[in-house]
Structure formats: structure tokens, C-alpha cells
Amino acid sequence: MKKIFILVFLTLFLGTQALAAGLVPCGGDSEPPCTLCHFFVMGKNIIDTLLLKIIPPVAILFVIIGGTYFILGSGYDSSLISKAKAIFWSVAVGLLIIYGSWLIVNLFFTVIGVENWTGLAGGWWQINCPI
């Protein structure tokens, strides 16, 4: 069952991203030729896709699964309620680690002034490749 879920997930979410040519901004029709800088842009696009398009739906799915366990176990099976609490706790800690780490890195780079002494306009997370 887990293998089928993973296969469907990869097909629906990652397959559509690859077809949309959103991850690699070069080398296609009417696009500039690829350079080393575009490799870093691709890495940024992969991270953005994970943080903004894949992790939130997966977290919502697990919250729904935990809620289902909680409802099904409310009054009959206390093991389902403990599973639901474990799922809720795991989702909360996972989201805190994932998005909290970005906030900590952003705060660190803002405090030391990376944007001022490197000349990065728009933030340290923006990558602009010369054409």
C-alpha cells in the first residue's frame, strides 16, 4: 500500500513539475543555454517546490489521517487516539523543523548583513543568472 501511495504521489506532483519545465530554467526552446549558474537556480527551484508545493499537501494529508484516527477511536479504541496524537505531534515537529530552519538561516544572514556586503539585491535566497 505504501509503495502505491509513493508511486501515485511522485507521478502527480513531481511529474507535472517536470513537464512544466519549471525546475530547469534553461536549455529548452526559446530559453538561454545552460550555465553553471542555472544549476544553482535549479537547486533553488527544487527547494521552493518542496517547501511550497509538496510539504503542505503532505502535512494536510497526515493531519486528515490523524483526525480520522482520532474520530474512529473516540470512545472505542484508545490505541487509535494515541496514534492520532503521535501523528499530530510528528506533523507539528516536522513543520517546525522544516520552516523553522529556514527562518533561523534567514535571521542569521539578516543579522550579519549578507545582503549589504555581497550586493545581493532582493535577498540572499534570490539567484539571478546573467544571460
N, C-alpha and C. Protein backbone atom coordinates (compact mmCIF):
# COMPACT_ATOMS: atom_id res chain seq x y z
N MET A 1 0.81 -1.19 0.00
CA MET A 1 0.00 0.00 0.00
C MET A 1 0.86 1.26 0.00
N LYS A 2 1.96 1.24 0.78
CA LYS A 2 2.84 2.41 0.83
C LYS A 2 3.52 2.64 -0.51
N LYS A 3 3.88 1.56 -1.20
CA LYS A 3 4.54 1.71 -2.50
C LYS A 3 3.59 2.33 -3.52
N ILE A 4 2.33 1.96 -3.48
CA ILE A 4 1.36 2.52 -4.41
C ILE A 4 1.16 4.01 -4.12
N PHE A 5 1.07 4.36 -2.83
CA PHE A 5 0.91 5.77 -2.45
C PHE A 5 2.10 6.59 -2.92
N ILE A 6 3.29 6.10 -2.72
CA ILE A 6 4.50 6.81 -3.13
C ILE A 6 4.54 6.98 -4.65
N LEU A 7 4.18 5.93 -5.38
CA LEU A 7 4.17 5.99 -6.84
C LEU A 7 3.16 7.02 -7.34
N VAL A 8 1.96 7.02 -6.77
CA VAL A 8 0.94 7.99 -7.17
C VAL A 8 1.38 9.40 -6.82
N PHE A 9 1.96 9.58 -5.64
CA PHE A 9 2.43 10.89 -5.20
C PHE A 9 3.51 11.42 -6.15
N LEU A 10 4.48 10.59 -6.46
CA LEU A 10 5.56 11.04 -7.35
C LEU A 10 5.05 11.34 -8.74
N THR A 11 4.10 10.56 -9.22
CA THR A 11 3.55 10.79 -10.56
C THR A 11 2.76 12.09 -10.61
N LEU A 12 1.93 12.33 -9.62
CA LEU A 12 1.08 13.52 -9.66
C LEU A 12 1.84 14.81 -9.40
N PHE A 13 2.69 14.82 -8.39
CA PHE A 13 3.33 16.08 -8.00
C PHE A 13 4.62 16.34 -8.76
N LEU A 14 5.51 15.38 -8.81
CA LEU A 14 6.80 15.62 -9.44
C LEU A 14 6.72 15.51 -10.96
N GLY A 15 5.85 14.65 -11.46
CA GLY A 15 5.71 14.50 -12.90
C GLY A 15 5.19 15.76 -13.56
N THR A 16 4.24 16.41 -12.93
CA THR A 16 3.72 17.65 -13.51
C THR A 16 4.74 18.76 -13.44
N GLN A 17 5.60 18.78 -12.43
CA GLN A 17 6.63 19.80 -12.35
C GLN A 17 7.65 19.62 -13.47
N ALA A 18 8.01 18.39 -13.77
CA ALA A 18 9.00 18.16 -14.82
C ALA A 18 8.44 18.52 -16.18
N LEU A 19 7.17 18.25 -16.41
CA LEU A 19 6.57 18.59 -17.69
C LEU A 19 6.40 20.09 -17.86
N ALA A 20 6.24 20.80 -16.76
CA ALA A 20 6.05 22.24 -16.84
C ALA A 20 7.36 22.99 -17.06
N ALA A 21 8.48 22.29 -17.02
CA ALA A 21 9.81 22.88 -17.20
C ALA A 21 10.03 24.02 -16.23
N GLY A 22 9.52 23.89 -15.03
CA GLY A 22 9.67 24.93 -14.03
C GLY A 22 10.92 24.77 -13.20
N LEU A 23 11.48 23.58 -13.17
CA LEU A 23 12.65 23.36 -12.33
C LEU A 23 13.94 23.78 -13.01
N VAL A 24 14.04 23.57 -14.31
CA VAL A 24 15.25 23.91 -15.05
C VAL A 24 14.92 25.07 -15.99
N PRO A 25 15.45 26.26 -15.71
CA PRO A 25 15.07 27.44 -16.49
C PRO A 25 15.93 27.67 -17.72
N CYS A 26 16.53 26.63 -18.27
CA CYS A 26 17.41 26.85 -19.42
C CYS A 26 17.40 25.62 -20.32
N GLY A 27 17.97 25.79 -21.51
CA GLY A 27 18.18 24.68 -22.42
C GLY A 27 17.00 24.27 -23.27
N GLY A 28 15.83 24.83 -23.04
CA GLY A 28 14.66 24.48 -23.82
C GLY A 28 14.47 25.41 -24.99
N ASP A 29 13.33 25.27 -25.64
CA ASP A 29 13.00 26.15 -26.75
C ASP A 29 12.83 27.58 -26.24
N SER A 30 13.41 28.51 -26.92
CA SER A 30 13.39 29.95 -26.61
C SER A 30 13.87 30.24 -25.18
N GLU A 31 14.79 29.44 -24.69
CA GLU A 31 15.41 29.68 -23.38
C GLU A 31 16.91 29.80 -23.57
N PRO A 32 17.60 30.48 -22.66
CA PRO A 32 19.04 30.63 -22.81
C PRO A 32 19.76 29.30 -22.60
N PRO A 33 20.98 29.16 -23.13
CA PRO A 33 21.73 27.93 -22.90
C PRO A 33 22.11 27.80 -21.42
N CYS A 34 22.26 26.57 -20.99
CA CYS A 34 22.54 26.31 -19.57
C CYS A 34 23.99 26.67 -19.21
N THR A 35 24.14 27.26 -18.03
CA THR A 35 25.45 27.59 -17.47
C THR A 35 25.51 27.01 -16.06
N LEU A 36 26.65 27.17 -15.40
CA LEU A 36 26.79 26.68 -14.04
C LEU A 36 25.82 27.40 -13.10
N CYS A 37 25.55 28.65 -13.35
CA CYS A 37 24.62 29.41 -12.51
C CYS A 37 23.22 28.79 -12.54
N HIS A 38 22.81 28.25 -13.68
CA HIS A 38 21.49 27.63 -13.79
C HIS A 38 21.39 26.36 -12.94
N PHE A 39 22.51 25.73 -12.64
CA PHE A 39 22.50 24.58 -11.74
C PHE A 39 22.02 25.01 -10.34
N PHE A 40 22.49 26.16 -9.88
CA PHE A 40 22.07 26.68 -8.58
C PHE A 40 20.62 27.15 -8.61
N VAL A 41 20.19 27.70 -9.75
CA VAL A 41 18.79 28.09 -9.90
C VAL A 41 17.90 26.85 -9.84
N MET A 42 18.35 25.76 -10.46
CA MET A 42 17.59 24.51 -10.40
C MET A 42 17.50 24.00 -8.96
N GLY A 43 18.58 24.07 -8.21
CA GLY A 43 18.55 23.67 -6.80
C GLY A 43 17.58 24.51 -6.00
N LYS A 44 17.59 25.83 -6.24
CA LYS A 44 16.64 26.72 -5.57
C LYS A 44 15.21 26.37 -5.95
N ASN A 45 14.97 26.07 -7.22
CA ASN A 45 13.62 25.72 -7.67
C ASN A 45 13.15 24.41 -7.05
N ILE A 46 14.06 23.46 -6.88
CA ILE A 46 13.71 22.19 -6.24
C ILE A 46 13.34 22.43 -4.78
N ILE A 47 14.13 23.25 -4.08
CA ILE A 47 13.83 23.55 -2.68
C ILE A 47 12.51 24.30 -2.56
N ASP A 48 12.26 25.27 -3.45
CA ASP A 48 10.99 26.00 -3.43
C ASP A 48 9.81 25.06 -3.70
N THR A 49 9.99 24.14 -4.63
CA THR A 49 8.92 23.18 -4.93
C THR A 49 8.63 22.31 -3.71
N LEU A 50 9.67 21.86 -3.03
CA LEU A 50 9.46 21.06 -1.83
C LEU A 50 8.77 21.87 -0.74
N LEU A 51 9.26 23.06 -0.47
CA LEU A 51 8.74 23.86 0.64
C LEU A 51 7.34 24.40 0.39
N LEU A 52 7.01 24.71 -0.84
CA LEU A 52 5.75 25.39 -1.12
C LEU A 52 4.69 24.53 -1.79
N LYS A 53 5.09 23.46 -2.49
CA LYS A 53 4.10 22.69 -3.24
C LYS A 53 3.95 21.24 -2.79
N ILE A 54 4.95 20.69 -2.14
CA ILE A 54 4.87 19.27 -1.77
C ILE A 54 4.62 19.09 -0.28
N ILE A 55 5.38 19.80 0.57
CA ILE A 55 5.27 19.60 2.02
C ILE A 55 3.89 20.00 2.56
N PRO A 56 3.30 21.16 2.18
CA PRO A 56 1.98 21.49 2.74
C PRO A 56 0.88 20.45 2.42
N PRO A 57 0.75 19.95 1.18
CA PRO A 57 -0.29 18.94 0.96
C PRO A 57 -0.03 17.64 1.72
N VAL A 58 1.23 17.26 1.86
CA VAL A 58 1.54 16.04 2.61
C VAL A 58 1.20 16.24 4.09
N ALA A 59 1.51 17.41 4.64
CA ALA A 59 1.17 17.70 6.03
C ALA A 59 -0.35 17.69 6.24
N ILE A 60 -1.07 18.28 5.31
CA ILE A 60 -2.53 18.27 5.40
C ILE A 60 -3.07 16.84 5.33
N LEU A 61 -2.49 16.03 4.45
CA LEU A 61 -2.91 14.63 4.34
C LEU A 61 -2.70 13.89 5.66
N PHE A 62 -1.56 14.11 6.30
CA PHE A 62 -1.31 13.43 7.57
C PHE A 62 -2.20 13.97 8.69
N VAL A 63 -2.54 15.25 8.66
CA VAL A 63 -3.48 15.78 9.65
C VAL A 63 -4.86 15.15 9.44
N ILE A 64 -5.27 14.96 8.19
CA ILE A 64 -6.54 14.30 7.91
C ILE A 64 -6.52 12.85 8.39
N ILE A 65 -5.40 12.15 8.15
CA ILE A 65 -5.28 10.78 8.63
C ILE A 65 -5.33 10.74 10.15
N GLY A 66 -4.62 11.64 10.81
CA GLY A 66 -4.66 11.71 12.28
C GLY A 66 -6.05 12.04 12.79
N GLY A 67 -6.75 12.94 12.13
CA GLY A 67 -8.12 13.27 12.52
C GLY A 67 -9.06 12.09 12.35
N THR A 68 -8.85 11.33 11.29
CA THR A 68 -9.66 10.12 11.08
C THR A 68 -9.41 9.11 12.20
N TYR A 69 -8.15 8.91 12.55
CA TYR A 69 -7.83 8.01 13.67
C TYR A 69 -8.48 8.51 14.96
N PHE A 70 -8.44 9.82 15.17
CA PHE A 70 -8.98 10.39 16.40
C PHE A 70 -10.49 10.18 16.47
N ILE A 71 -11.18 10.41 15.34
CA ILE A 71 -12.63 10.23 15.31
C ILE A 71 -13.01 8.77 15.46
N LEU A 72 -12.29 7.89 14.76
CA LEU A 72 -12.61 6.46 14.84
C LEU A 72 -12.33 5.88 16.23
N GLY A 73 -11.36 6.43 16.93
CA GLY A 73 -11.01 5.89 18.23
C GLY A 73 -11.67 6.59 19.40
N SER A 74 -12.53 7.56 19.13
CA SER A 74 -13.11 8.35 20.22
C SER A 74 -14.20 7.56 20.95
N GLY A 75 -13.79 6.82 21.92
CA GLY A 75 -14.75 6.09 22.73
C GLY A 75 -14.61 4.59 22.65
N TYR A 76 -13.97 4.07 21.62
CA TYR A 76 -13.89 2.63 21.46
C TYR A 76 -12.47 2.09 21.60
N ASP A 77 -11.53 2.79 20.98
CA ASP A 77 -10.17 2.25 20.93
C ASP A 77 -9.18 3.36 21.29
N SER A 78 -8.60 3.25 22.46
CA SER A 78 -7.66 4.30 22.88
C SER A 78 -6.33 4.22 22.15
N SER A 79 -6.03 3.09 21.52
CA SER A 79 -4.78 3.00 20.75
C SER A 79 -4.85 3.87 19.49
N LEU A 80 -6.04 4.00 18.91
CA LEU A 80 -6.18 4.89 17.75
C LEU A 80 -6.00 6.35 18.15
N ILE A 81 -6.48 6.70 19.33
CA ILE A 81 -6.30 8.08 19.80
C ILE A 81 -4.83 8.36 20.05
N SER A 82 -4.10 7.41 20.61
CA SER A 82 -2.67 7.63 20.82
C SER A 82 -1.92 7.70 19.49
N LYS A 83 -2.35 6.92 18.48
CA LYS A 83 -1.75 7.04 17.15
C LYS A 83 -2.04 8.41 16.54
N ALA A 84 -3.26 8.89 16.73
CA ALA A 84 -3.62 10.21 16.20
C ALA A 84 -2.78 11.30 16.85
N LYS A 85 -2.60 11.23 18.17
CA LYS A 85 -1.78 12.22 18.84
C LYS A 85 -0.34 12.16 18.38
N ALA A 86 0.17 10.95 18.13
CA ALA A 86 1.53 10.81 17.64
C ALA A 86 1.67 11.41 16.24
N ILE A 87 0.65 11.21 15.41
CA ILE A 87 0.69 11.79 14.06
C ILE A 87 0.65 13.31 14.14
N PHE A 88 -0.25 13.86 14.95
CA PHE A 88 -0.32 15.32 15.09
C PHE A 88 1.01 15.88 15.60
N TRP A 89 1.59 15.24 16.58
CA TRP A 89 2.86 15.68 17.15
C TRP A 89 3.97 15.62 16.08
N SER A 90 4.00 14.55 15.31
CA SER A 90 5.03 14.40 14.28
C SER A 90 4.89 15.47 13.19
N VAL A 91 3.65 15.75 12.78
CA VAL A 91 3.43 16.79 11.77
C VAL A 91 3.88 18.15 12.31
N ALA A 92 3.51 18.46 13.55
CA ALA A 92 3.88 19.76 14.13
C ALA A 92 5.39 19.90 14.25
N VAL A 93 6.06 18.87 14.75
CA VAL A 93 7.52 18.94 14.91
C VAL A 93 8.20 18.99 13.54
N GLY A 94 7.71 18.22 12.59
CA GLY A 94 8.29 18.23 11.25
C GLY A 94 8.18 19.59 10.58
N LEU A 95 6.99 20.20 10.65
CA LEU A 95 6.82 21.52 10.06
C LEU A 95 7.66 22.57 10.78
N LEU A 96 7.76 22.44 12.10
CA LEU A 96 8.59 23.37 12.86
C LEU A 96 10.06 23.26 12.46
N ILE A 97 10.55 22.05 12.27
CA ILE A 97 11.94 21.86 11.85
C ILE A 97 12.16 22.39 10.44
N ILE A 98 11.25 22.05 9.53
CA ILE A 98 11.43 22.43 8.13
C ILE A 98 11.40 23.94 7.94
N TYR A 99 10.33 24.57 8.42
CA TYR A 99 10.19 26.00 8.19
C TYR A 99 10.98 26.82 9.21
N GLY A 100 11.18 26.30 10.41
CA GLY A 100 11.97 26.99 11.41
C GLY A 100 13.43 27.09 11.01
N SER A 101 13.95 26.06 10.35
CA SER A 101 15.34 26.11 9.91
C SER A 101 15.55 27.23 8.89
N TRP A 102 14.60 27.40 7.97
CA TRP A 102 14.71 28.49 7.01
C TRP A 102 14.67 29.84 7.73
N LEU A 103 13.80 29.97 8.73
CA LEU A 103 13.72 31.23 9.47
C LEU A 103 15.01 31.52 10.23
N ILE A 104 15.61 30.50 10.80
CA ILE A 104 16.86 30.70 11.54
C ILE A 104 17.99 31.14 10.60
N VAL A 105 18.10 30.48 9.44
CA VAL A 105 19.13 30.86 8.46
C VAL A 105 18.88 32.27 7.97
N ASN A 106 17.62 32.60 7.68
CA ASN A 106 17.29 33.95 7.21
C ASN A 106 17.62 34.99 8.28
N LEU A 107 17.29 34.71 9.53
CA LEU A 107 17.61 35.64 10.61
C LEU A 107 19.12 35.82 10.75
N PHE A 108 19.87 34.74 10.67
CA PHE A 108 21.33 34.82 10.77
C PHE A 108 21.91 35.67 9.66
N PHE A 109 21.48 35.41 8.41
CA PHE A 109 22.01 36.17 7.29
C PHE A 109 21.58 37.64 7.35
N THR A 110 20.40 37.91 7.87
CA THR A 110 19.95 39.29 8.01
C THR A 110 20.76 40.02 9.07
N VAL A 111 21.04 39.35 10.18
CA VAL A 111 21.78 39.97 11.28
C VAL A 111 23.22 40.29 10.85
N ILE A 112 23.86 39.38 10.14
CA ILE A 112 25.25 39.65 9.75
C ILE A 112 25.33 40.54 8.51
N GLY A 113 24.20 40.81 7.87
CA GLY A 113 24.17 41.76 6.76
C GLY A 113 24.69 41.22 5.45
N VAL A 114 24.35 40.00 5.12
CA VAL A 114 24.82 39.39 3.87
C VAL A 114 24.39 40.20 2.66
N GLU A 115 23.19 40.75 2.69
CA GLU A 115 22.67 41.48 1.55
C GLU A 115 23.49 42.75 1.27
N ASN A 116 24.00 43.37 2.32
CA ASN A 116 24.76 44.62 2.15
C ASN A 116 26.16 44.39 1.59
N TRP A 117 26.89 43.43 2.12
CA TRP A 117 28.29 43.27 1.71
C TRP A 117 28.48 42.34 0.54
N THR A 118 27.44 41.64 0.09
CA THR A 118 27.57 40.81 -1.10
C THR A 118 26.92 41.42 -2.32
N GLY A 119 26.06 42.40 -2.12
CA GLY A 119 25.38 43.03 -3.25
C GLY A 119 24.22 42.22 -3.78
N LEU A 120 23.70 41.30 -3.00
CA LEU A 120 22.55 40.50 -3.43
C LEU A 120 21.29 41.34 -3.29
N ALA A 121 20.73 41.72 -4.42
CA ALA A 121 19.52 42.52 -4.40
C ALA A 121 18.30 41.61 -4.28
N GLY A 122 17.40 41.93 -3.38
CA GLY A 122 16.18 41.16 -3.23
C GLY A 122 16.27 40.07 -2.19
N GLY A 123 17.42 39.80 -1.63
CA GLY A 123 17.54 38.78 -0.59
C GLY A 123 18.58 37.75 -0.95
N TRP A 124 19.08 37.07 0.06
CA TRP A 124 20.12 36.06 -0.14
C TRP A 124 19.59 34.82 -0.86
N TRP A 125 18.29 34.61 -0.84
CA TRP A 125 17.70 33.42 -1.43
C TRP A 125 17.38 33.58 -2.92
N GLN A 126 17.58 34.78 -3.46
CA GLN A 126 17.33 35.03 -4.89
C GLN A 126 18.61 34.77 -5.68
N ILE A 127 18.50 34.04 -6.77
CA ILE A 127 19.65 33.76 -7.63
C ILE A 127 19.33 34.33 -9.01
N ASN A 128 20.15 35.26 -9.45
CA ASN A 128 19.97 35.89 -10.76
C ASN A 128 21.15 35.51 -11.64
N CYS A 129 20.88 34.81 -12.71
CA CYS A 129 21.93 34.39 -13.62
C CYS A 129 22.06 35.38 -14.76
N PRO A 130 23.28 35.75 -15.11
CA PRO A 130 23.46 36.58 -16.31
C PRO A 130 23.20 35.74 -17.56
N ILE A 131 22.64 36.37 -18.54
CA ILE A 131 22.31 35.63 -19.78
C ILE A 131 23.45 35.68 -20.75
